[in-house]
Protein backbone atom coordinates (compact mmCIF):
# COMPACT_ATOMS: atom_id res chain seq x y z
CA MET A 1 -1.85 62.11 167.94
CA ALA A 2 -0.64 58.63 167.03
CA GLY A 3 -1.70 58.75 163.39
CA LYS A 4 -3.71 56.42 161.24
CA ARG A 5 -2.57 52.80 160.83
CA ASN A 6 -2.77 50.87 157.57
CA ARG A 7 -4.14 47.35 157.56
CA LEU A 8 -0.62 45.99 158.14
CA GLY A 9 -0.15 48.10 161.27
CA ARG A 10 2.20 50.73 159.86
CA VAL A 11 1.58 54.26 161.15
CA GLY A 12 1.72 57.31 158.91
CA LYS A 13 1.27 58.01 155.25
CA ALA A 14 4.56 59.27 153.79
CA LEU A 15 7.38 56.77 153.29
CA SER A 16 10.99 57.73 153.76
CA GLU A 17 13.29 57.78 150.76
CA PRO A 18 15.43 54.94 152.17
CA LEU A 19 12.30 52.78 152.55
CA ARG A 20 11.25 53.59 148.98
CA GLU A 21 14.74 52.63 147.75
CA GLU A 22 14.56 49.38 149.73
CA ILE A 23 11.24 48.56 148.06
CA ILE A 24 12.73 49.21 144.60
CA GLU A 25 15.80 47.09 145.43
CA MET A 26 13.65 44.21 146.61
CA TYR A 27 11.51 44.43 143.49
CA ASN A 28 14.61 44.46 141.28
CA LYS A 29 15.73 41.27 143.04
CA ARG A 30 12.46 39.72 141.87
CA VAL A 31 10.77 39.73 145.29
CA SER A 32 6.99 39.71 144.79
CA SER A 33 4.94 42.79 145.65
CA THR A 34 3.07 40.76 148.26
CA ASP A 35 6.27 39.65 149.98
CA ILE A 36 7.63 43.21 149.89
CA SER A 37 4.35 44.45 151.34
CA ASN A 38 4.50 42.00 154.24
CA ASP A 39 8.18 42.71 154.90
CA VAL A 40 8.03 46.51 155.00
CA LYS A 41 4.43 46.80 156.29
CA VAL A 42 3.21 48.80 153.29
CA THR A 43 0.08 47.76 151.41
CA VAL A 44 0.54 45.97 148.08
CA ARG A 45 -1.13 48.96 146.44
CA GLY A 46 1.44 51.27 148.06
CA VAL A 47 4.31 49.03 146.97
CA ASN A 48 3.01 48.95 143.40
CA LYS A 49 2.65 52.74 143.32
CA ILE A 50 6.26 53.16 144.42
CA ILE A 51 7.47 50.63 141.85
CA ASN A 52 5.47 52.25 139.05
CA CYS A 53 6.51 55.79 139.99
CA HIS A 54 10.19 54.92 140.17
CA GLY A 55 10.25 52.85 137.05
CA GLY A 56 10.47 49.72 138.98
CA SER A 57 11.10 47.11 136.74
CA GLY A 58 13.69 49.73 136.79
CA VAL A 59 15.26 46.75 136.09
CA ASP A 60 14.82 48.20 132.66
CA VAL A 61 17.69 50.69 132.75
CA VAL A 62 18.67 52.04 129.35
CA THR A 63 22.35 52.86 129.00
CA HIS A 64 23.67 55.53 126.67
CA ASP A 65 24.97 52.87 124.25
CA VAL A 66 21.61 51.10 124.09
CA LEU A 67 19.74 54.35 123.58
CA HIS A 68 22.17 55.39 120.83
CA CYS A 69 21.63 52.12 118.95
CA ILE A 70 17.86 52.37 119.26
CA GLU A 71 17.90 55.94 117.92
CA ILE A 72 19.97 54.90 114.91
CA TRP A 73 17.80 51.87 114.14
CA LYS A 74 14.60 53.93 114.45
CA LEU A 75 16.01 56.51 112.04
CA GLN A 76 16.98 53.77 109.59
CA ARG A 77 13.64 51.99 109.89
CA PRO A 78 10.91 53.92 111.76
CA SER A 79 8.50 50.95 111.63
CA ILE A 80 10.83 48.60 113.56
CA TYR A 81 9.07 46.74 116.36
CA ALA A 82 10.23 46.85 119.98
CA ARG A 83 10.67 43.06 119.94
CA GLU A 84 13.00 43.36 116.94
CA ILE A 85 15.03 46.00 118.76
CA GLN A 86 15.27 43.77 121.84
CA ASN A 87 16.41 40.80 119.79
CA ARG A 88 18.96 42.84 117.87
CA LEU A 89 20.40 44.32 121.07
CA LEU A 90 20.86 40.82 122.43
CA LEU A 91 22.21 39.30 119.20
CA GLU A 92 24.75 42.06 118.69
CA GLY A 93 25.88 41.82 122.33
CA ILE A 94 25.01 45.43 123.09
CA CYS A 95 23.20 44.31 126.25
CA ASP A 96 22.06 41.13 127.94
CA ARG A 97 18.71 39.98 129.28
CA ASP A 98 19.41 41.50 132.68
């Protein structure tokens, strides 16, 4: 049995881990979901599911130092806004925009 094809011609349902990692890498390099979809022959919906399940914007990796600072600031001022935390992290050189 050949299996069912998606609208892009890819056969099968489950994606290999290396393909999933490639999708995440492409997304982290700011490649659009549509371009990723066309390149790897996975529907845009499938690409978005993989990105959302793996934290895609995974681009947003929180290091131990960043997490430690956030915990301290939240203890000092529980009502602090996320935007204030972001700005403070940047101003104090704890992390950069990337």
